[in-house]
């Protein structure tokens, strides 16, 4: 196996074989866009995971024993009747409890199917990029690297480079 630079290298099937330099350029552009999409999917999954974790950590409420709600405090104090702003909003007798250490999160119907769909899309796009590189076409190889570079340049700050 050696790298080659033929513009008639098939991509994914015999029916996708560029026969002109314009068709080859179109295939290169497709691979660049596919590389960008791969990085966008990684960033989207990282942002979704962060949002899901934040929502889960804010889901833990406990009732504080003996805490007098602000509404009752305002009714007895004439000076504070003008305006009172609380950090807990309407339910002043509860407080958010956040766990600071890593824990095993439960399976949730609202989150885990979407996580599985994102992982499947990421795997599919990454395998398509791998197949393009395995054609050993220099142009396809550089296009995949270029798409990866541009995608990371656009959204690389949103995810860890674990993939």
Protein backbone atom coordinates (compact mmCIF):
# COMPACT_ATOMS: atom_id res chain seq x y z
CA UNK A 1 0.00 0.00 0.00
CA UNK A 2 1.32 3.39 -1.01
CA UNK A 3 -0.10 6.87 -1.13
CA UNK A 4 -1.26 7.93 -4.57
CA UNK A 5 -2.74 11.09 -6.04
CA UNK A 6 -5.15 9.85 -8.70
CA UNK A 7 -8.25 12.03 -9.14
CA UNK A 8 -10.29 8.93 -10.04
CA UNK A 9 -10.06 7.23 -6.64
CA UNK A 10 -13.52 5.93 -5.63
CA UNK A 11 -14.89 7.12 -2.29
CA UNK A 12 -17.23 4.73 -0.40
CA UNK A 13 -18.52 3.04 -3.62
CA UNK A 14 -17.76 2.68 -7.31
CA UNK A 15 -20.60 5.08 -8.10
CA UNK A 16 -18.75 7.85 -6.24
CA UNK A 17 -15.72 7.96 -8.47
CA UNK A 18 -14.69 11.44 -9.56
CA UNK A 19 -13.82 11.54 -13.28
CA UNK A 20 -12.97 15.24 -13.57
CA UNK A 21 -10.88 17.60 -11.50
CA UNK A 22 -14.08 19.47 -10.52
CA UNK A 23 -15.67 16.28 -9.20
CA UNK A 24 -12.46 15.50 -7.32
CA UNK A 25 -12.50 19.01 -5.79
CA UNK A 26 -16.14 18.46 -4.78
CA UNK A 27 -15.17 15.20 -3.08
CA UNK A 28 -12.34 17.00 -1.26
CA UNK A 29 -14.77 19.71 -0.09
CA UNK A 30 -17.20 17.01 1.11
CA UNK A 31 -14.44 15.38 3.17
CA UNK A 32 -13.44 18.73 4.69
CA UNK A 33 -17.06 19.38 5.67
CA UNK A 34 -17.36 15.84 7.07
CA UNK A 35 -14.27 16.47 9.22
CA UNK A 36 -15.82 19.70 10.50
CA UNK A 37 -19.10 17.88 11.24
CA UNK A 38 -17.15 15.30 13.24
CA UNK A 39 -15.67 18.00 15.46
CA UNK A 40 -19.06 19.73 15.77
CA UNK A 41 -20.59 16.46 16.96
CA UNK A 42 -17.86 16.02 19.55
CA UNK A 43 -18.36 19.57 20.80
CA UNK A 44 -22.14 19.15 20.82
CA UNK A 45 -21.89 15.98 22.86
CA UNK A 46 -19.51 17.61 25.34
CA UNK A 47 -21.87 20.58 25.78
CA UNK A 48 -24.87 18.26 26.16
CA UNK A 49 -23.04 16.17 28.77
CA UNK A 50 -22.17 19.33 30.69
CA UNK A 51 -25.78 20.56 30.52
CA UNK A 52 -27.13 17.16 31.62
CA UNK A 53 -24.71 17.02 34.55
CA UNK A 54 -25.59 20.57 35.63
CA UNK A 55 -29.30 19.74 35.50
CA UNK A 56 -28.73 16.59 37.53
CA UNK A 57 -26.66 18.35 40.16
CA UNK A 58 -29.30 21.07 40.55
CA UNK A 59 -32.05 18.47 40.92
CA UNK A 60 -31.25 17.67 44.55
CA UNK A 61 -33.44 19.62 46.96
CA UNK A 62 -33.80 19.19 50.70
CA UNK A 63 -36.14 20.91 53.13
CA UNK A 64 -34.25 22.97 55.67
CA UNK A 65 -35.57 22.27 59.15
CA UNK A 66 -36.56 25.39 61.06
CA UNK A 67 -35.90 27.87 58.23
CA UNK A 68 -38.57 30.56 58.17
CA UNK A 69 -39.66 31.41 54.63
CA UNK A 70 -39.01 35.01 53.58
CA UNK A 71 -42.74 35.53 53.00
CA UNK A 72 -43.38 34.98 56.71
CA UNK A 73 -40.46 37.22 57.70
CA UNK A 74 -41.79 40.02 55.47
CA UNK A 75 -45.30 39.77 56.94
CA UNK A 76 -43.97 40.46 60.45
CA UNK A 77 -41.41 43.14 59.54
CA UNK A 78 -42.92 46.35 58.17
CA UNK A 79 -39.55 47.69 56.98
CA UNK A 80 -38.94 44.77 54.56
CA UNK A 81 -42.40 44.85 52.95
CA UNK A 82 -41.19 47.10 50.16
CA UNK A 83 -39.22 44.49 48.22
CA UNK A 84 -37.51 41.21 49.02
CA UNK A 85 -35.35 39.18 46.66
CA UNK A 86 -34.36 35.65 47.63
CA UNK A 87 -31.81 33.27 46.12
CA UNK A 88 -34.21 30.32 46.29
CA UNK A 89 -37.14 31.99 44.54
CA UNK A 90 -40.64 30.93 45.55
CA UNK A 91 -39.75 27.98 47.75
CA UNK A 92 -37.57 29.61 50.36
CA UNK A 93 -37.78 26.67 52.76
CA UNK A 94 -35.77 24.37 50.48
CA UNK A 95 -32.15 24.50 49.54
CA UNK A 96 -30.16 23.05 46.64
CA UNK A 97 -27.63 20.42 47.69
CA UNK A 98 -24.74 19.79 45.34
CA UNK A 99 -22.38 16.85 45.52
CA UNK A 100 -18.77 17.83 44.88
CA UNK A 101 -17.35 14.39 44.10
CA UNK A 102 -17.76 12.06 41.14
CA UNK A 103 -20.61 9.58 41.34
CA UNK A 104 -22.37 7.05 39.13
CA UNK A 105 -25.33 8.73 37.51
CA UNK A 106 -28.60 6.81 37.11
CA UNK A 107 -30.01 5.82 33.71
CA UNK A 108 -32.55 8.40 32.55
CA UNK A 109 -35.02 8.10 29.68
CA UNK A 110 -34.68 11.83 29.01
CA UNK A 111 -30.89 11.69 28.55
CA UNK A 112 -29.46 8.27 27.74
CA UNK A 113 -31.19 7.63 24.37
CA UNK A 114 -29.94 11.02 23.12
CA UNK A 115 -26.45 10.17 24.39
CA UNK A 116 -26.59 6.88 22.47
CA UNK A 117 -27.73 8.66 19.27
CA UNK A 118 -24.87 11.18 19.57
CA UNK A 119 -22.31 8.42 20.16
CA UNK A 120 -23.62 6.48 17.16
CA UNK A 121 -23.43 9.56 14.90
CA UNK A 122 -19.90 10.28 16.11
CA UNK A 123 -18.83 6.69 15.44
CA UNK A 124 -20.46 6.69 11.99
CA UNK A 125 -18.81 9.92 10.89
CA UNK A 126 -15.43 8.86 12.27
CA UNK A 127 -15.64 5.52 10.38
CA UNK A 128 -16.51 7.36 7.16
CA UNK A 129 -13.46 9.58 7.66
CA UNK A 130 -11.33 6.50 8.36
CA UNK A 131 -12.53 4.84 5.14
CA UNK A 132 -11.63 7.97 3.18
CA UNK A 133 -8.11 7.90 4.60
CA UNK A 134 -7.81 4.17 3.86
CA UNK A 135 -8.16 4.86 0.12
CA UNK A 136 -4.53 6.02 0.41
CA UNK A 137 -5.35 9.07 -1.71
CA UNK A 138 -3.19 12.00 -0.65
CA UNK A 139 -5.91 14.55 -1.44
CA UNK A 140 -8.50 12.69 0.62
CA UNK A 141 -6.04 12.32 3.49
CA UNK A 142 -5.19 16.03 3.51
CA UNK A 143 -8.90 16.91 3.24
CA UNK A 144 -9.71 14.84 6.34
CA UNK A 145 -6.86 16.50 8.23
CA UNK A 146 -7.97 19.92 6.99
CA UNK A 147 -11.54 19.31 8.10
CA UNK A 148 -10.32 18.14 11.49
CA UNK A 149 -8.16 21.25 11.80
CA UNK A 150 -10.97 23.64 10.81
CA UNK A 151 -13.49 21.90 13.07
CA UNK A 152 -11.11 22.03 16.01
CA UNK A 153 -10.36 25.66 15.25
CA UNK A 154 -14.09 26.46 15.33
CA UNK A 155 -15.28 24.43 18.31
CA UNK A 156 -12.25 22.74 19.89
CA UNK A 157 -12.57 24.81 23.04
CA UNK A 158 -15.89 23.13 23.87
CA UNK A 159 -14.63 19.57 24.37
CA UNK A 160 -11.70 17.53 25.62
CA UNK A 161 -9.57 16.01 22.87
CA UNK A 162 -10.19 12.45 24.06
CA UNK A 163 -11.15 11.16 20.59
